[in-house]
Amino acid sequence: MTNRMELSGTIAKPPIRSKSPGGIEHCRFWLEHRSTVIEADLPRQVYCRMPVVVSGLGSQALTQNLVQGSNIKVSGFVAYQTGRNGVGKLVLHADNITQI
C-alpha cells in the first residue's frame, strides 16, 4: 500500500518544538494550502489547513529556518491521530521540507 503526500502552503502558526519523554525531538505546525484545480472540467478553489509534525534526529535541520508565514513544500506520510479531547484528525508526518 502507498501512503505518500506532498503539499505546499504557508505556515499558519509559529512552529512548536518539544521533546518526548523518550528524548525524541518534535516540531509541530499548521500548513495552510490554497490553490485552484480543475475538477469535472471546471475550476475549483481548494483550501485546507493540515497539521504537520517532524520527528527525530533530523527534525532540527529540517525546521531550523521555519517561521510563521514561511512558504514551503512538505512531503511525508499521513496518519490518524486522536487528541486528548477525543477528536481525531489526519496529520502529515514530514520527512522532507523545501522552502519555496
C-alpha atoms as a PDB file:
ATOM      1  CA  MET A   1       0.000   0.000   0.000  1.00  0.00           C
ATOM      2  CA  THR A   2       1.104   3.548  -0.656  1.00  0.00           C
ATOM      3  CA  ASN A   3       0.961   6.378   1.875  1.00  0.00           C
ATOM      4  CA  ARG A   4       2.710   9.452   0.485  1.00  0.00           C
ATOM      5  CA  MET A   5       1.590  13.086   0.418  1.00  0.00           C
ATOM      6  CA  GLU A   6       3.087  16.313  -0.911  1.00  0.00           C
ATOM      7  CA  LEU A   7       1.528  19.669  -0.046  1.00  0.00           C
ATOM      8  CA  SER A   8       2.705  23.248  -0.427  1.00  0.00           C
ATOM      9  CA  GLY A   9       1.495  26.226   1.514  1.00  0.00           C
ATOM     10  CA  THR A  10       2.190  28.764   4.230  1.00  0.00           C
ATOM     11  CA  ILE A  11       2.978  28.073   7.874  1.00  0.00           C
ATOM     12  CA  ALA A  12      -0.145  29.407   9.592  1.00  0.00           C
ATOM     13  CA  LYS A  13       1.059  29.374  13.226  1.00  0.00           C
ATOM     14  CA  PRO A  14       4.544  29.527  14.772  1.00  0.00           C
ATOM     15  CA  PRO A  15       6.203  26.086  14.909  1.00  0.00           C
ATOM     16  CA  ILE A  16       6.212  24.441  18.347  1.00  0.00           C
ATOM     17  CA  ARG A  17       9.270  22.424  19.291  1.00  0.00           C
ATOM     18  CA  SER A  18       9.189  19.772  22.006  1.00  0.00           C
ATOM     19  CA  LYS A  19      10.923  16.633  23.202  1.00  0.00           C
ATOM     20  CA  SER A  20       9.117  13.421  24.129  1.00  0.00           C
ATOM     21  CA  PRO A  21       9.819  11.642  27.434  1.00  0.00           C
ATOM     22  CA  GLY A  22      11.852   9.184  25.355  1.00  0.00           C
ATOM     23  CA  GLY A  23      14.086  12.029  24.113  1.00  0.00           C
ATOM     24  CA  ILE A  24      12.687  12.268  20.568  1.00  0.00           C
ATOM     25  CA  GLU A  25      12.542  15.813  19.206  1.00  0.00           C
ATOM     26  CA  HIS A  26       9.352  17.006  17.522  1.00  0.00           C
ATOM     27  CA  CYS A  27       8.373  20.142  15.632  1.00  0.00           C
ATOM     28  CA  ARG A  28       4.668  20.784  15.033  1.00  0.00           C
ATOM     29  CA  PHE A  29       3.000  23.432  12.891  1.00  0.00           C
ATOM     30  CA  TRP A  30      -0.092  24.077  10.746  1.00  0.00           C
ATOM     31  CA  LEU A  31       0.273  24.311   6.961  1.00  0.00           C
ATOM     32  CA  GLU A  32      -2.351  26.365   5.117  1.00  0.00           C
ATOM     33  CA  HIS A  33      -2.846  25.496   1.431  1.00  0.00           C
ATOM     34  CA  ARG A  34      -4.794  27.427  -1.226  1.00  0.00           C
ATOM     35  CA  SER A  35      -4.944  26.618  -4.916  1.00  0.00           C
ATOM     36  CA  THR A  36      -7.182  26.247  -7.937  1.00  0.00           C
ATOM     37  CA  VAL A  37      -7.637  22.843  -9.551  1.00  0.00           C
ATOM     38  CA  ILE A  38      -9.745  21.538 -12.411  1.00  0.00           C
ATOM     39  CA  GLU A  39     -12.423  19.048 -11.402  1.00  0.00           C
ATOM     40  CA  ALA A  40     -15.112  17.817 -13.806  1.00  0.00           C
ATOM     41  CA  ASP A  41     -13.751  20.312 -16.374  1.00  0.00           C
ATOM     42  CA  LEU A  42     -14.452  23.240 -14.018  1.00  0.00           C
ATOM     43  CA  PRO A  43     -12.063  25.341 -11.908  1.00  0.00           C
ATOM     44  CA  ARG A  44     -12.405  24.757  -8.179  1.00  0.00           C
ATOM     45  CA  GLN A  45     -10.914  26.763  -5.313  1.00  0.00           C
ATOM     46  CA  VAL A  46      -9.197  24.447  -2.826  1.00  0.00           C
ATOM     47  CA  TYR A  47      -8.369  25.311   0.779  1.00  0.00           C
ATOM     48  CA  CYS A  48      -7.130  23.140   3.599  1.00  0.00           C
ATOM     49  CA  ARG A  49      -5.284  23.501   6.861  1.00  0.00           C
ATOM     50  CA  MET A  50      -3.166  20.468   7.734  1.00  0.00           C
ATOM     51  CA  PRO A  51      -1.259  19.752  10.947  1.00  0.00           C
ATOM     52  CA  VAL A  52       2.354  18.753  10.262  1.00  0.00           C
ATOM     53  CA  VAL A  53       4.856  17.052  12.572  1.00  0.00           C
ATOM     54  CA  VAL A  54       8.564  16.468  12.007  1.00  0.00           C
ATOM     55  CA  SER A  55      10.182  13.981  14.388  1.00  0.00           C
ATOM     56  CA  GLY A  56      13.579  12.503  15.093  1.00  0.00           C
ATOM     57  CA  LEU A  57      17.221  13.447  14.845  1.00  0.00           C
ATOM     58  CA  GLY A  58      16.837  15.248  11.513  1.00  0.00           C
ATOM     59  CA  SER A  59      13.928  17.399  12.664  1.00  0.00           C
ATOM     60  CA  GLN A  60      16.140  20.274  13.835  1.00  0.00           C
ATOM     61  CA  ALA A  61      17.912  20.537  10.474  1.00  0.00           C
ATOM     62  CA  LEU A  62      14.616  20.419   8.536  1.00  0.00           C
ATOM     63  CA  THR A  63      12.848  23.001  10.701  1.00  0.00           C
ATOM     64  CA  GLN A  64      15.508  25.425  11.961  1.00  0.00           C
ATOM     65  CA  ASN A  65      14.545  28.195   9.488  1.00  0.00           C
ATOM     66  CA  LEU A  66      10.768  27.759   9.679  1.00  0.00           C
ATOM     67  CA  VAL A  67       8.700  30.669  10.966  1.00  0.00           C
ATOM     68  CA  GLN A  68       5.076  31.695  10.694  1.00  0.00           C
ATOM     69  CA  GLY A  69       4.472  32.906   7.135  1.00  0.00           C
ATOM     70  CA  SER A  70       7.161  30.717   5.518  1.00  0.00           C
ATOM     71  CA  ASN A  71       6.153  29.292   2.127  1.00  0.00           C
ATOM     72  CA  ILE A  72       7.167  25.635   1.982  1.00  0.00           C
ATOM     73  CA  LYS A  73       6.580  22.309   0.255  1.00  0.00           C
ATOM     74  CA  VAL A  74       6.243  19.343   2.616  1.00  0.00           C
ATOM     75  CA  SER A  75       6.286  15.641   1.806  1.00  0.00           C
ATOM     76  CA  GLY A  76       5.774  12.639   4.042  1.00  0.00           C
ATOM     77  CA  PHE A  77       3.078  10.201   5.123  1.00  0.00           C
ATOM     78  CA  VAL A  78      -0.315  10.797   6.729  1.00  0.00           C
ATOM     79  CA  ALA A  79      -1.570   9.143   9.905  1.00  0.00           C
ATOM     80  CA  TYR A  80      -4.703   9.443  12.007  1.00  0.00           C
ATOM     81  CA  GLN A  81      -4.208  10.904  15.490  1.00  0.00           C
ATOM     82  CA  THR A  82      -6.702  11.204  18.312  1.00  0.00           C
ATOM     83  CA  GLY A  83      -6.218  14.234  20.539  1.00  0.00           C
ATOM     84  CA  ARG A  84      -6.694  14.472  24.293  1.00  0.00           C
ATOM     85  CA  ASN A  85     -10.233  15.700  23.653  1.00  0.00           C
ATOM     86  CA  GLY A  86     -11.063  12.526  21.713  1.00  0.00           C
ATOM     87  CA  VAL A  87     -11.308  14.310  18.360  1.00  0.00           C
ATOM     88  CA  GLY A  88      -9.357  12.674  15.542  1.00  0.00           C
ATOM     89  CA  LYS A  89      -7.518  14.279  12.636  1.00  0.00           C
ATOM     90  CA  LEU A  90      -5.131  13.409   9.828  1.00  0.00           C
ATOM     91  CA  VAL A  91      -1.558  14.572  10.443  1.00  0.00           C
ATOM     92  CA  LEU A  92       1.180  14.898   7.821  1.00  0.00           C
ATOM     93  CA  HIS A  93       4.403  13.371   9.207  1.00  0.00           C
ATOM     94  CA  ALA A  94       7.060  15.196   7.190  1.00  0.00           C
ATOM     95  CA  ASP A  95      10.364  13.725   6.090  1.00  0.00           C
ATOM     96  CA  ASN A  96      11.223  16.484   3.599  1.00  0.00           C
ATOM     97  CA  ILE A  97      10.622  20.247   3.701  1.00  0.00           C
ATOM     98  CA  THR A  98      11.634  22.684   0.956  1.00  0.00           C
ATOM     99  CA  GLN A  99      11.405  26.487   1.128  1.00  0.00           C
ATOM    100  CA  ILE A 100       9.610  27.917  -1.927  1.00  0.00           C
END
